[in-house]
PDB file of N, CA and C in Angstrom:
ATOM      1  N   UNK A   1      34.158   1.401  -2.259  1.00  0.00           N
ATOM      2  CA  UNK A   1      34.207   2.283  -1.117  1.00  0.00           C
ATOM      3  C   UNK A   1      33.360   1.672   0.001  1.00  0.00           C
ATOM      4  N   UNK A   2      33.837   1.730   1.221  1.00  0.00           N
ATOM      5  CA  UNK A   2      33.141   1.113   2.348  1.00  0.00           C
ATOM      6  C   UNK A   2      32.826   2.166   3.404  1.00  0.00           C
ATOM      7  N   UNK A   3      31.820   1.871   4.223  1.00  0.00           N
ATOM      8  CA  UNK A   3      31.498   2.766   5.326  1.00  0.00           C
ATOM      9  C   UNK A   3      32.344   2.415   6.541  1.00  0.00           C
ATOM     10  N   UNK A   4      32.038   3.025   7.667  1.00  0.00           N
ATOM     11  CA  UNK A   4      32.865   2.806   8.862  1.00  0.00           C
ATOM     12  C   UNK A   4      32.750   1.392   9.422  1.00  0.00           C
ATOM     13  N   UNK A   5      31.727   0.638   9.021  1.00  0.00           N
ATOM     14  CA  UNK A   5      31.595  -0.749   9.458  1.00  0.00           C
ATOM     15  C   UNK A   5      32.294  -1.714   8.510  1.00  0.00           C
ATOM     16  N   UNK A   6      32.843  -1.188   7.405  1.00  0.00           N
ATOM     17  CA  UNK A   6      33.478  -2.040   6.417  1.00  0.00           C
ATOM     18  C   UNK A   6      32.493  -2.649   5.436  1.00  0.00           C
ATOM     19  N   UNK A   7      31.224  -2.211   5.491  1.00  0.00           N
ATOM     20  CA  UNK A   7      30.210  -2.707   4.563  1.00  0.00           C
ATOM     21  C   UNK A   7      30.233  -1.799   3.339  1.00  0.00           C
ATOM     22  N   UNK A   8      30.372  -2.365   2.149  1.00  0.00           N
ATOM     23  CA  UNK A   8      30.413  -1.530   0.948  1.00  0.00           C
ATOM     24  C   UNK A   8      29.130  -0.722   0.780  1.00  0.00           C
ATOM     25  N   UNK A   9      29.270   0.485   0.240  1.00  0.00           N
ATOM     26  CA  UNK A   9      28.122   1.344  -0.017  1.00  0.00           C
ATOM     27  C   UNK A   9      27.297   0.795  -1.172  1.00  0.00           C
ATOM     28  N   UNK A  10      26.111   1.415  -1.463  1.00  0.00           N
ATOM     29  CA  UNK A  10      25.233   0.873  -2.493  1.00  0.00           C
ATOM     30  C   UNK A  10      26.001   0.499  -3.727  1.00  0.00           C
ATOM     31  N   UNK A  11      25.489  -0.283  -4.603  1.00  0.00           N
ATOM     32  CA  UNK A  11      24.090  -0.348  -4.976  1.00  0.00           C
ATOM     33  C   UNK A  11      23.260  -1.269  -4.086  1.00  0.00           C
ATOM     34  N   UNK A  12      21.985  -1.016  -4.106  1.00  0.00           N
ATOM     35  CA  UNK A  12      21.028  -1.824  -3.375  1.00  0.00           C
ATOM     36  C   UNK A  12      20.267  -2.671  -4.368  1.00  0.00           C
ATOM     37  N   UNK A  13      19.672  -3.763  -3.987  1.00  0.00           N
ATOM     38  CA  UNK A  13      19.526  -4.268  -2.635  1.00  0.00           C
ATOM     39  C   UNK A  13      20.795  -4.940  -2.121  1.00  0.00           C
ATOM     40  N   UNK A  14      20.837  -5.096  -0.811  1.00  0.00           N
ATOM     41  CA  UNK A  14      21.885  -5.884  -0.166  1.00  0.00           C
ATOM     42  C   UNK A  14      21.182  -7.130   0.373  1.00  0.00           C
ATOM     43  N   UNK A  15      21.683  -8.296   0.012  1.00  0.00           N
ATOM     44  CA  UNK A  15      21.051  -9.546   0.408  1.00  0.00           C
ATOM     45  C   UNK A  15      22.028 -10.335   1.262  1.00  0.00           C
ATOM     46  N   UNK A  16      21.559 -10.768   2.438  1.00  0.00           N
ATOM     47  CA  UNK A  16      22.412 -11.543   3.339  1.00  0.00           C
ATOM     48  C   UNK A  16      21.880 -12.966   3.454  1.00  0.00           C
ATOM     49  N   UNK A  17      22.832 -13.915   3.477  1.00  0.00           N
ATOM     50  CA  UNK A  17      22.528 -15.347   3.539  1.00  0.00           C
ATOM     51  C   UNK A  17      23.303 -15.981   4.687  1.00  0.00           C
ATOM     52  N   UNK A  18      22.830 -17.137   5.136  1.00  0.00           N
ATOM     53  CA  UNK A  18      23.582 -17.941   6.112  1.00  0.00           C
ATOM     54  C   UNK A  18      24.682 -18.736   5.430  1.00  0.00           C
ATOM     55  N   UNK A  19      24.531 -19.023   4.171  1.00  0.00           N
ATOM     56  CA  UNK A  19      25.459 -19.877   3.440  1.00  0.00           C
ATOM     57  C   UNK A  19      26.320 -19.059   2.482  1.00  0.00           C
ATOM     58  N   UNK A  20      27.589 -19.435   2.304  1.00  0.00           N
ATOM     59  CA  UNK A  20      28.450 -18.695   1.384  1.00  0.00           C
ATOM     60  C   UNK A  20      28.145 -18.963  -0.087  1.00  0.00           C
ATOM     61  N   UNK A  21      27.396 -20.020  -0.380  1.00  0.00           N
ATOM     62  CA  UNK A  21      27.114 -20.393  -1.772  1.00  0.00           C
ATOM     63  C   UNK A  21      25.611 -20.564  -2.004  1.00  0.00           C
ATOM     64  N   UNK A  22      24.852 -19.493  -1.894  1.00  0.00           N
ATOM     65  CA  UNK A  22      23.396 -19.634  -2.055  1.00  0.00           C
ATOM     66  C   UNK A  22      22.971 -19.953  -3.477  1.00  0.00           C
ATOM     67  N   UNK A  23      23.883 -19.815  -4.416  1.00  0.00           N
ATOM     68  CA  UNK A  23      23.520 -20.099  -5.803  1.00  0.00           C
ATOM     69  C   UNK A  23      23.288 -21.581  -6.062  1.00  0.00           C
ATOM     70  N   UNK A  24      23.629 -22.429  -5.091  1.00  0.00           N
ATOM     71  CA  UNK A  24      23.460 -23.881  -5.245  1.00  0.00           C
ATOM     72  C   UNK A  24      22.256 -24.364  -4.447  1.00  0.00           C
ATOM     73  N   UNK A  25      21.064 -24.031  -4.881  1.00  0.00           N
ATOM     74  CA  UNK A  25      19.873 -24.514  -4.205  1.00  0.00           C
ATOM     75  C   UNK A  25      19.004 -23.390  -3.695  1.00  0.00           C
ATOM     76  N   UNK A  26      18.162 -23.712  -2.719  1.00  0.00           N
ATOM     77  CA  UNK A  26      17.269 -22.744  -2.091  1.00  0.00           C
ATOM     78  C   UNK A  26      17.903 -22.329  -0.769  1.00  0.00           C
ATOM     79  N   UNK A  27      18.049 -21.013  -0.565  1.00  0.00           N
ATOM     80  CA  UNK A  27      18.757 -20.516   0.617  1.00  0.00           C
ATOM     81  C   UNK A  27      17.951 -19.437   1.321  1.00  0.00           C
ATOM     82  N   UNK A  28      17.932 -19.515   2.653  1.00  0.00           N
ATOM     83  CA  UNK A  28      17.266 -18.487   3.456  1.00  0.00           C
ATOM     84  C   UNK A  28      18.010 -17.172   3.299  1.00  0.00           C
ATOM     85  N   UNK A  29      17.248 -16.086   3.129  1.00  0.00           N
ATOM     86  CA  UNK A  29      17.874 -14.792   2.877  1.00  0.00           C
ATOM     87  C   UNK A  29      17.029 -13.647   3.420  1.00  0.00           C
ATOM     88  N   UNK A  30      17.712 -12.530   3.689  1.00  0.00           N
ATOM     89  CA  UNK A  30      17.077 -11.249   3.962  1.00  0.00           C
ATOM     90  C   UNK A  30      17.572 -10.272   2.910  1.00  0.00           C
ATOM     91  N   UNK A  31      16.649  -9.598   2.247  1.00  0.00           N
ATOM     92  CA  UNK A  31      16.995  -8.594   1.244  1.00  0.00           C
ATOM     93  C   UNK A  31      16.670  -7.223   1.831  1.00  0.00           C
ATOM     94  N   UNK A  32      17.674  -6.359   1.896  1.00  0.00           N
ATOM     95  CA  UNK A  32      17.530  -5.037   2.496  1.00  0.00           C
ATOM     96  C   UNK A  32      17.572  -4.008   1.376  1.00  0.00           C
ATOM     97  N   UNK A  33      16.545  -3.163   1.347  1.00  0.00           N
ATOM     98  CA  UNK A  33      16.400  -2.191   0.269  1.00  0.00           C
ATOM     99  C   UNK A  33      16.222  -0.784   0.826  1.00  0.00           C
ATOM    100  N   UNK A  34      16.585   0.197   0.045  1.00  0.00           N
ATOM    101  CA  UNK A  34      16.288   1.589   0.337  1.00  0.00           C
ATOM    102  C   UNK A  34      15.393   2.072  -0.786  1.00  0.00           C
ATOM    103  N   UNK A  35      14.242   2.644  -0.412  1.00  0.00           N
ATOM    104  CA  UNK A  35      13.294   3.098  -1.422  1.00  0.00           C
ATOM    105  C   UNK A  35      12.727   4.452  -1.053  1.00  0.00           C
ATOM    106  N   UNK A  36      12.414   5.265  -2.054  1.00  0.00           N
ATOM    107  CA  UNK A  36      11.731   6.531  -1.757  1.00  0.00           C
ATOM    108  C   UNK A  36      10.251   6.275  -1.498  1.00  0.00           C
ATOM    109  N   UNK A  37       9.661   7.118  -0.677  1.00  0.00           N
ATOM    110  CA  UNK A  37       8.219   7.074  -0.440  1.00  0.00           C
ATOM    111  C   UNK A  37       7.597   7.985  -1.495  1.00  0.00           C
ATOM    112  N   UNK A  38       6.820   7.435  -2.423  1.00  0.00           N
ATOM    113  CA  UNK A  38       6.340   8.214  -3.569  1.00  0.00           C
ATOM    114  C   UNK A  38       5.558   9.476  -3.201  1.00  0.00           C
ATOM    115  N   UNK A  39       4.790   9.438  -2.127  1.00  0.00           N
ATOM    116  CA  UNK A  39       3.924  10.572  -1.797  1.00  0.00           C
ATOM    117  C   UNK A  39       4.610  11.644  -0.955  1.00  0.00           C
ATOM    118  N   UNK A  40       5.894  11.464  -0.641  1.00  0.00           N
ATOM    119  CA  UNK A  40       6.601  12.403   0.240  1.00  0.00           C
ATOM    120  C   UNK A  40       7.582  13.234  -0.578  1.00  0.00           C
ATOM    121  N   UNK A  41       7.542  14.540  -0.365  1.00  0.00           N
ATOM    122  CA  UNK A  41       8.467  15.451  -1.030  1.00  0.00           C
ATOM    123  C   UNK A  41       9.558  15.868  -0.049  1.00  0.00           C
ATOM    124  N   UNK A  42      10.695  16.299  -0.562  1.00  0.00           N
ATOM    125  CA  UNK A  42      11.786  16.754   0.283  1.00  0.00           C
ATOM    126  C   UNK A  42      12.843  15.685   0.454  1.00  0.00           C
ATOM    127  N   UNK A  43      13.854  16.014   1.238  1.00  0.00           N
ATOM    128  CA  UNK A  43      15.000  15.100   1.381  1.00  0.00           C
ATOM    129  C   UNK A  43      14.717  13.923   2.304  1.00  0.00           C
ATOM    130  N   UNK A  44      13.757  14.055   3.229  1.00  0.00           N
ATOM    131  CA  UNK A  44      13.445  12.963   4.162  1.00  0.00           C
ATOM    132  C   UNK A  44      12.330  12.095   3.579  1.00  0.00           C
ATOM    133  N   UNK A  45      12.625  11.456   2.457  1.00  0.00           N
ATOM    134  CA  UNK A  45      11.601  10.675   1.758  1.00  0.00           C
ATOM    135  C   UNK A  45      12.007   9.214   1.584  1.00  0.00           C
ATOM    136  N   UNK A  46      13.065   8.761   2.259  1.00  0.00           N
ATOM    137  CA  UNK A  46      13.588   7.411   2.068  1.00  0.00           C
ATOM    138  C   UNK A  46      13.240   6.517   3.246  1.00  0.00           C
ATOM    139  N   UNK A  47      12.943   5.243   2.954  1.00  0.00           N
ATOM    140  CA  UNK A  47      12.709   4.238   3.996  1.00  0.00           C
ATOM    141  C   UNK A  47      13.555   3.010   3.694  1.00  0.00           C
ATOM    142  N   UNK A  48      13.827   2.261   4.748  1.00  0.00           N
ATOM    143  CA  UNK A  48      14.546   0.989   4.618  1.00  0.00           C
ATOM    144  C   UNK A  48      13.510  -0.119   4.734  1.00  0.00           C
ATOM    145  N   UNK A  49      13.496  -1.010   3.763  1.00  0.00           N
ATOM    146  CA  UNK A  49      12.599  -2.161   3.765  1.00  0.00           C
ATOM    147  C   UNK A  49      13.433  -3.433   3.851  1.00  0.00           C
ATOM    148  N   UNK A  50      12.776  -4.499   4.291  1.00  0.00           N
ATOM    149  CA  UNK A  50      13.460  -5.788   4.370  1.00  0.00           C
ATOM    150  C   UNK A  50      12.476  -6.889   4.002  1.00  0.00           C
ATOM    151  N   UNK A  51      12.976  -7.835   3.209  1.00  0.00           N
ATOM    152  CA  UNK A  51      12.187  -8.988   2.790  1.00  0.00           C
ATOM    153  C   UNK A  51      12.913 -10.251   3.249  1.00  0.00           C
ATOM    154  N   UNK A  52      12.159 -11.181   3.807  1.00  0.00           N
ATOM    155  CA  UNK A  52      12.717 -12.469   4.223  1.00  0.00           C
ATOM    156  C   UNK A  52      12.066 -13.562   3.389  1.00  0.00           C
ATOM    157  N   UNK A  53      12.868 -14.547   3.063  1.00  0.00           N
ATOM    158  CA  UNK A  53      12.327 -15.691   2.342  1.00  0.00           C
ATOM    159  C   UNK A  53      13.420 -16.685   2.026  1.00  0.00           C
ATOM    160  N   UNK A  54      13.078 -17.614   1.192  1.00  0.00           N
ATOM    161  CA  UNK A  54      14.014 -18.648   0.744  1.00  0.00           C
ATOM    162  C   UNK A  54      14.189 -18.464  -0.754  1.00  0.00           C
ATOM    163  N   UNK A  55      15.380 -17.997  -1.141  1.00  0.00           N
ATOM    164  CA  UNK A  55      15.637 -17.630  -2.534  1.00  0.00           C
ATOM    165  C   UNK A  55      16.187 -18.814  -3.312  1.00  0.00           C
ATOM    166  N   UNK A  56      15.618 -19.009  -4.491  1.00  0.00           N
ATOM    167  CA  UNK A  56      16.080 -20.083  -5.370  1.00  0.00           C
ATOM    168  C   UNK A  56      16.737 -19.452  -6.592  1.00  0.00           C
ATOM    169  N   UNK A  57      18.044 -19.624  -6.680  1.00  0.00           N
ATOM    170  CA  UNK A  57      18.818 -19.014  -7.764  1.00  0.00           C
ATOM    171  C   UNK A  57      18.398 -19.529  -9.131  1.00  0.00           C
ATOM    172  N   UNK A  58      18.104 -20.804  -9.238  1.00  0.00           N
ATOM    173  CA  UNK A  58      17.766 -21.402 -10.538  1.00  0.00           C
ATOM    174  C   UNK A  58      16.553 -20.735 -11.177  1.00  0.00           C
ATOM    175  N   UNK A  59      15.566 -20.376 -10.366  1.00  0.00           N
ATOM    176  CA  UNK A  59      14.349 -19.755 -10.895  1.00  0.00           C
ATOM    177  C   UNK A  59      14.293 -18.255 -10.617  1.00  0.00           C
ATOM    178  N   UNK A  60      15.263 -17.755  -9.852  1.00  0.00           N
ATOM    179  CA  UNK A  60      15.317 -16.326  -9.487  1.00  0.00           C
ATOM    180  C   UNK A  60      14.049 -15.888  -8.759  1.00  0.00           C
ATOM    181  N   UNK A  61      13.552 -16.741  -7.858  1.00  0.00           N
ATOM    182  CA  UNK A  61      12.325 -16.424  -7.135  1.00  0.00           C
ATOM    183  C   UNK A  61      12.488 -16.707  -5.645  1.00  0.00           C
ATOM    184  N   UNK A  62      11.635 -16.042  -4.863  1.00  0.00           N
ATOM    185  CA  UNK A  62      11.551 -16.290  -3.430  1.00  0.00           C
ATOM    186  C   UNK A  62      10.431 -17.282  -3.154  1.00  0.00           C
ATOM    187  N   UNK A  63      10.660 -18.140  -2.168  1.00  0.00           N
ATOM    188  CA  UNK A  63       9.634 -19.021  -1.628  1.00  0.00           C
ATOM    189  C   UNK A  63       9.319 -18.497  -0.232  1.00  0.00           C
ATOM    190  N   UNK A  64       8.058 -18.465   0.139  1.00  0.00           N
ATOM    191  CA  UNK A  64       7.631 -17.987   1.461  1.00  0.00           C
ATOM    192  C   UNK A  64       8.138 -16.567   1.713  1.00  0.00           C
ATOM    193  N   UNK A  65       7.948 -15.703   0.754  1.00  0.00           N
ATOM    194  CA  UNK A  65       8.423 -14.319   0.829  1.00  0.00           C
ATOM    195  C   UNK A  65       7.533 -13.504   1.773  1.00  0.00           C
ATOM    196  N   UNK A  66       8.172 -12.841   2.750  1.00  0.00           N
ATOM    197  CA  UNK A  66       7.464 -12.038   3.746  1.00  0.00           C
ATOM    198  C   UNK A  66       8.216 -10.727   3.926  1.00  0.00           C
ATOM    199  N   UNK A  67       7.475  -9.635   3.968  1.00  0.00           N
ATOM    200  CA  UNK A  67       8.100  -8.350   4.236  1.00  0.00           C
ATOM    201  C   UNK A  67       8.238  -8.198   5.746  1.00  0.00           C
ATOM    202  N   UNK A  68       9.482  -8.136   6.240  1.00  0.00           N
ATOM    203  CA  UNK A  68       9.739  -8.088   7.675  1.00  0.00           C
ATOM    204  C   UNK A  68       9.992  -6.678   8.188  1.00  0.00           C
ATOM    205  N   UNK A  69      10.189  -5.743   7.293  1.00  0.00           N
ATOM    206  CA  UNK A  69      10.401  -4.350   7.687  1.00  0.00           C
ATOM    207  C   UNK A  69       9.834  -3.477   6.574  1.00  0.00           C
ATOM    208  N   UNK A  70       8.800  -2.716   6.898  1.00  0.00           N
ATOM    209  CA  UNK A  70       8.192  -1.811   5.920  1.00  0.00           C
ATOM    210  C   UNK A  70       7.565  -0.637   6.671  1.00  0.00           C
ATOM    211  N   UNK A  71       8.412   0.284   7.108  1.00  0.00           N
ATOM    212  CA  UNK A  71       7.862   1.430   7.846  1.00  0.00           C
ATOM    213  C   UNK A  71       7.105   2.364   6.906  1.00  0.00           C
ATOM    214  N   UNK A  72       5.977   2.867   7.371  1.00  0.00           N
ATOM    215  CA  UNK A  72       5.237   3.834   6.567  1.00  0.00           C
ATOM    216  C   UNK A  72       4.807   5.054   7.374  1.00  0.00           C
ATOM    217  N   UNK A  73       5.328   5.179   8.595  1.00  0.00           N
ATOM    218  CA  UNK A  73       5.025   6.333   9.418  1.00  0.00           C
ATOM    219  C   UNK A  73       6.115   7.392   9.215  1.00  0.00           C
ATOM    220  N   UNK A  74       5.746   8.671   9.231  1.00  0.00           N
ATOM    221  CA  UNK A  74       6.708   9.754   8.961  1.00  0.00           C
ATOM    222  C   UNK A  74       7.952   9.743   9.845  1.00  0.00           C
ATOM    223  N   UNK A  75       7.859   9.251  11.079  1.00  0.00           N
ATOM    224  CA  UNK A  75       9.049   9.240  11.941  1.00  0.00           C
ATOM    225  C   UNK A  75      10.131   8.303  11.422  1.00  0.00           C
ATOM    226  N   UNK A  76       9.800   7.430  10.472  1.00  0.00           N
ATOM    227  CA  UNK A  76      10.776   6.508   9.899  1.00  0.00           C
ATOM    228  C   UNK A  76      11.335   6.987   8.560  1.00  0.00           C
ATOM    229  N   UNK A  77      10.863   8.127   8.067  1.00  0.00           N
ATOM    230  CA  UNK A  77      11.379   8.669   6.814  1.00  0.00           C
ATOM    231  C   UNK A  77      12.747   9.276   7.064  1.00  0.00           C
ATOM    232  N   UNK A  78      13.686   9.007   6.190  1.00  0.00           N
ATOM    233  CA  UNK A  78      15.083   9.412   6.369  1.00  0.00           C
ATOM    234  C   UNK A  78      15.604  10.143   5.137  1.00  0.00           C
ATOM    235  N   UNK A  79      16.717  10.853   5.331  1.00  0.00           N
ATOM    236  CA  UNK A  79      17.463  11.327   4.180  1.00  0.00           C
ATOM    237  C   UNK A  79      18.142  10.103   3.567  1.00  0.00           C
ATOM    238  N   UNK A  80      18.664  10.237   2.364  1.00  0.00           N
ATOM    239  CA  UNK A  80      19.313   9.100   1.723  1.00  0.00           C
ATOM    240  C   UNK A  80      20.496   8.613   2.558  1.00  0.00           C
ATOM    241  N   UNK A  81      21.299   9.539   3.074  1.00  0.00           N
ATOM    242  CA  UNK A  81      22.466   9.160   3.879  1.00  0.00           C
ATOM    243  C   UNK A  81      22.041   8.446   5.157  1.00  0.00           C
ATOM    244  N   UNK A  82      20.982   8.945   5.808  1.00  0.00           N
ATOM    245  CA  UNK A  82      20.479   8.282   7.014  1.00  0.00           C
ATOM    246  C   UNK A  82      19.943   6.887   6.687  1.00  0.00           C
ATOM    247  N   UNK A  83      19.246   6.770   5.570  1.00  0.00           N
ATOM    248  CA  UNK A  83      18.713   5.467   5.168  1.00  0.00           C
ATOM    249  C   UNK A  83      19.837   4.478   4.882  1.00  0.00           C
ATOM    250  N   UNK A  84      20.920   4.933   4.272  1.00  0.00           N
ATOM    251  CA  UNK A  84      22.063   4.046   4.037  1.00  0.00           C
ATOM    252  C   UNK A  84      22.629   3.554   5.365  1.00  0.00           C
ATOM    253  N   UNK A  85      22.724   4.431   6.342  1.00  0.00           N
ATOM    254  CA  UNK A  85      23.240   4.042   7.656  1.00  0.00           C
ATOM    255  C   UNK A  85      22.305   3.037   8.335  1.00  0.00           C
ATOM    256  N   UNK A  86      21.005   3.278   8.263  1.00  0.00           N
ATOM    257  CA  UNK A  86      20.026   2.351   8.851  1.00  0.00           C
ATOM    258  C   UNK A  86      20.114   0.995   8.159  1.00  0.00           C
ATOM    259  N   UNK A  87      20.260   0.989   6.842  1.00  0.00           N
ATOM    260  CA  UNK A  87      20.385  -0.270   6.102  1.00  0.00           C
ATOM    261  C   UNK A  87      21.643  -1.028   6.527  1.00  0.00           C
ATOM    262  N   UNK A  88      22.742  -0.326   6.714  1.00  0.00           N
ATOM    263  CA  UNK A  88      23.977  -0.978   7.167  1.00  0.00           C
ATOM    264  C   UNK A  88      23.807  -1.552   8.571  1.00  0.00           C
ATOM    265  N   UNK A  89      23.090  -0.847   9.440  1.00  0.00           N
ATOM    266  CA  UNK A  89      22.815  -1.367  10.779  1.00  0.00           C
ATOM    267  C   UNK A  89      21.955  -2.626  10.696  1.00  0.00           C
ATOM    268  N   UNK A  90      21.032  -2.658   9.727  1.00  0.00           N
ATOM    269  CA  UNK A  90      20.195  -3.843   9.551  1.00  0.00           C
ATOM    270  C   UNK A  90      21.023  -5.028   9.055  1.00  0.00           C
ATOM    271  N   UNK A  91      22.002  -4.773   8.177  1.00  0.00           N
ATOM    272  CA  UNK A  91      22.916  -5.832   7.725  1.00  0.00           C
ATOM    273  C   UNK A  91      23.671  -6.397   8.934  1.00  0.00           C
ATOM    274  N   UNK A  92      24.166  -5.517   9.796  1.00  0.00           N
ATOM    275  CA  UNK A  92      24.888  -5.981  10.997  1.00  0.00           C
ATOM    276  C   UNK A  92      23.965  -6.762  11.930  1.00  0.00           C
ATOM    277  N   UNK A  93      22.730  -6.303  12.087  1.00  0.00           N
ATOM    278  CA  UNK A  93      21.759  -7.007  12.929  1.00  0.00           C
ATOM    279  C   UNK A  93      21.557  -8.430  12.420  1.00  0.00           C
ATOM    280  N   UNK A  94      21.387  -8.584  11.103  1.00  0.00           N
ATOM    281  CA  UNK A  94      21.196  -9.913  10.531  1.00  0.00           C
ATOM    282  C   UNK A  94      22.471 -10.743  10.613  1.00  0.00           C
ATOM    283  N   UNK A  95      23.633 -10.115  10.492  1.00  0.00           N
ATOM    284  CA  UNK A  95      24.896 -10.850  10.627  1.00  0.00           C
ATOM    285  C   UNK A  95      25.016 -11.443  12.028  1.00  0.00           C
ATOM    286  N   UNK A  96      24.557 -10.719  13.029  1.00  0.00           N
ATOM    287  CA  UNK A  96      24.589 -11.233  14.406  1.00  0.00           C
ATOM    288  C   UNK A  96      23.693 -12.458  14.558  1.00  0.00           C
ATOM    289  N   UNK A  97      22.693 -12.582  13.678  1.00  0.00           N
ATOM    290  CA  UNK A  97      21.794 -13.744  13.699  1.00  0.00           C
ATOM    291  C   UNK A  97      22.297 -14.884  12.813  1.00  0.00           C
ATOM    292  N   UNK A  98      23.513 -14.727  12.256  1.00  0.00           N
ATOM    293  CA  UNK A  98      24.101 -15.797  11.462  1.00  0.00           C
ATOM    294  C   UNK A  98      24.078 -15.589   9.959  1.00  0.00           C
ATOM    295  N   UNK A  99      23.549 -14.475   9.501  1.00  0.00           N
ATOM    296  CA  UNK A  99      23.509 -14.174   8.071  1.00  0.00           C
ATOM    297  C   UNK A  99      24.755 -13.362   7.708  1.00  0.00           C
ATOM    298  N   UNK A 100      25.881 -14.057   7.600  1.00  0.00           N
ATOM    299  CA  UNK A 100      27.192 -13.416   7.443  1.00  0.00           C
ATOM    300  C   UNK A 100      27.584 -13.126   6.005  1.00  0.00           C
ATOM    301  N   UNK A 101      26.873 -13.659   5.053  1.00  0.00           N
ATOM    302  CA  UNK A 101      27.314 -13.563   3.654  1.00  0.00           C
ATOM    303  C   UNK A 101      26.456 -12.556   2.905  1.00  0.00           C
ATOM    304  N   UNK A 102      27.096 -11.445   2.548  1.00  0.00           N
ATOM    305  CA  UNK A 102      26.439 -10.311   1.912  1.00  0.00           C
ATOM    306  C   UNK A 102      26.687 -10.355   0.410  1.00  0.00           C
ATOM    307  N   UNK A 103      25.611 -10.256  -0.353  1.00  0.00           N
ATOM    308  CA  UNK A 103      25.698 -10.218  -1.807  1.00  0.00           C
ATOM    309  C   UNK A 103      25.090  -8.901  -2.284  1.00  0.00           C
ATOM    310  N   UNK A 104      25.780  -8.251  -3.230  1.00  0.00           N
ATOM    311  CA  UNK A 104      25.303  -7.002  -3.809  1.00  0.00           C
ATOM    312  C   UNK A 104      25.526  -7.029  -5.311  1.00  0.00           C
ATOM    313  N   UNK A 105      24.695  -6.301  -6.023  1.00  0.00           N
ATOM    314  CA  UNK A 105      24.869  -6.205  -7.472  1.00  0.00           C
ATOM    315  C   UNK A 105      26.199  -5.522  -7.777  1.00  0.00           C
ATOM    316  N   UNK A 106      26.864  -6.001  -8.821  1.00  0.00           N
ATOM    317  CA  UNK A 106      28.105  -5.404  -9.306  1.00  0.00           C
ATOM    318  C   UNK A 106      27.935  -5.239 -10.806  1.00  0.00           C
ATOM    319  N   UNK A 107      27.714  -4.028 -11.227  1.00  0.00           N
ATOM    320  CA  UNK A 107      27.408  -3.779 -12.635  1.00  0.00           C
ATOM    321  C   UNK A 107      28.651  -3.681 -13.504  1.00  0.00           C
ATOM    322  N   UNK A 108      29.828  -3.864 -12.923  1.00  0.00           N
ATOM    323  CA  UNK A 108      31.070  -3.683 -13.671  1.00  0.00           C
ATOM    324  C   UNK A 108      31.608  -4.944 -14.330  1.00  0.00           C
ATOM    325  N   UNK A 109      31.342  -6.105 -13.735  1.00  0.00           N
ATOM    326  CA  UNK A 109      31.921  -7.314 -14.310  1.00  0.00           C
ATOM    327  C   UNK A 109      31.152  -8.561 -13.866  1.00  0.00           C
ATOM    328  N   UNK A 110      31.202  -9.614 -14.694  1.00  0.00           N
ATOM    329  CA  UNK A 110      30.563 -10.873 -14.304  1.00  0.00           C
ATOM    330  C   UNK A 110      31.215 -11.407 -13.041  1.00  0.00           C
ATOM    331  N   UNK A 111      30.515 -12.076 -12.199  1.00  0.00           N
ATOM    332  CA  UNK A 111      29.159 -12.632 -12.337  1.00  0.00           C
ATOM    333  C   UNK A 111      28.049 -11.644 -11.984  1.00  0.00           C
ATOM    334  N   UNK A 112      28.322 -10.350 -11.992  1.00  0.00           N
ATOM    335  CA  UNK A 112      27.357  -9.277 -11.784  1.00  0.00           C
ATOM    336  C   UNK A 112      26.913  -9.127 -10.337  1.00  0.00           C
ATOM    337  N   UNK A 113      27.653  -9.714  -9.410  1.00  0.00           N
ATOM    338  CA  UNK A 113      27.407  -9.482  -7.983  1.00  0.00           C
ATOM    339  C   UNK A 113      28.737  -9.581  -7.253  1.00  0.00           C
ATOM    340  N   UNK A 114      28.763  -8.998  -6.074  1.00  0.00           N
ATOM    341  CA  UNK A 114      29.926  -9.106  -5.192  1.00  0.00           C
ATOM    342  C   UNK A 114      29.501  -9.898  -3.967  1.00  0.00           C
ATOM    343  N   UNK A 115      30.383 -10.767  -3.497  1.00  0.00           N
ATOM    344  CA  UNK A 115      30.135 -11.587  -2.310  1.00  0.00           C
ATOM    345  C   UNK A 115      31.129 -11.138  -1.240  1.00  0.00           C
ATOM    346  N   UNK A 116      30.604 -10.778  -0.067  1.00  0.00           N
ATOM    347  CA  UNK A 116      31.438 -10.281   1.023  1.00  0.00           C
ATOM    348  C   UNK A 116      31.025 -10.989   2.312  1.00  0.00           C
ATOM    349  N   UNK A 117      31.994 -11.423   3.091  1.00  0.00           N
ATOM    350  CA  UNK A 117      31.666 -11.974   4.393  1.00  0.00           C
ATOM    351  C   UNK A 117      31.687 -10.845   5.411  1.00  0.00           C
ATOM    352  N   UNK A 118      30.578 -10.654   6.109  1.00  0.00           N
ATOM    353  CA  UNK A 118      30.466  -9.586   7.105  1.00  0.00           C
ATOM    354  C   UNK A 118      31.172 -10.044   8.370  1.00  0.00           C
ATOM    355  N   UNK A 119      32.168  -9.271   8.771  1.00  0.00           N
ATOM    356  CA  UNK A 119      32.898  -9.555  10.003  1.00  0.00           C
ATOM    357  C   UNK A 119      32.387  -8.586  11.063  1.00  0.00           C
ATOM    358  N   UNK A 120      31.861  -9.139  12.128  1.00  0.00           N
ATOM    359  CA  UNK A 120      31.275  -8.310  13.177  1.00  0.00           C
ATOM    360  C   UNK A 120      32.352  -7.667  14.034  1.00  0.00           C
ATOM    361  N   UNK A 121      32.081  -6.435  14.509  1.00  0.00           N
ATOM    362  CA  UNK A 121      33.028  -5.792  15.417  1.00  0.00           C
ATOM    363  C   UNK A 121      33.142  -6.591  16.720  1.00  0.00           C
ATOM    364  N   UNK A 122      34.295  -6.527  17.337  1.00  0.00           N
ATOM    365  CA  UNK A 122      34.499  -7.227  18.612  1.00  0.00           C
ATOM    366  C   UNK A 122      33.560  -6.639  19.668  1.00  0.00           C
ATOM    367  N   UNK A 123      33.058  -7.533  20.534  1.00  0.00           N
ATOM    368  CA  UNK A 123      32.252  -7.065  21.639  1.00  0.00           C
ATOM    369  C   UNK A 123      30.864  -7.313  21.477  1.00  0.00           C
TER     370      UNK A 123
END
């Protein structure tokens, strides 16, 4: 199932790469996550986080890992649906910077991830 931008809905994280085959070496990536804020109760307890680094598939580790988005102020707390929308907007933002290849976990069949090329809207 996809949203109005054509980006498939969770599971998270959603990881975007510049290269279509990041499994062959070390590749620059942004990992976009939705997480609950542990100390917040109610429906507006979700935040969107983002990690940047160079992912190495062989060792399953990041090199030079930096958190590039980690809001902790209440004005950034969202409902789950709002957080999904913000995460999709972040995927589009990174696609505009050249990170067109979206990878997501796929728990239904090997290779256990889905690879999608993000096509930007015209304009």
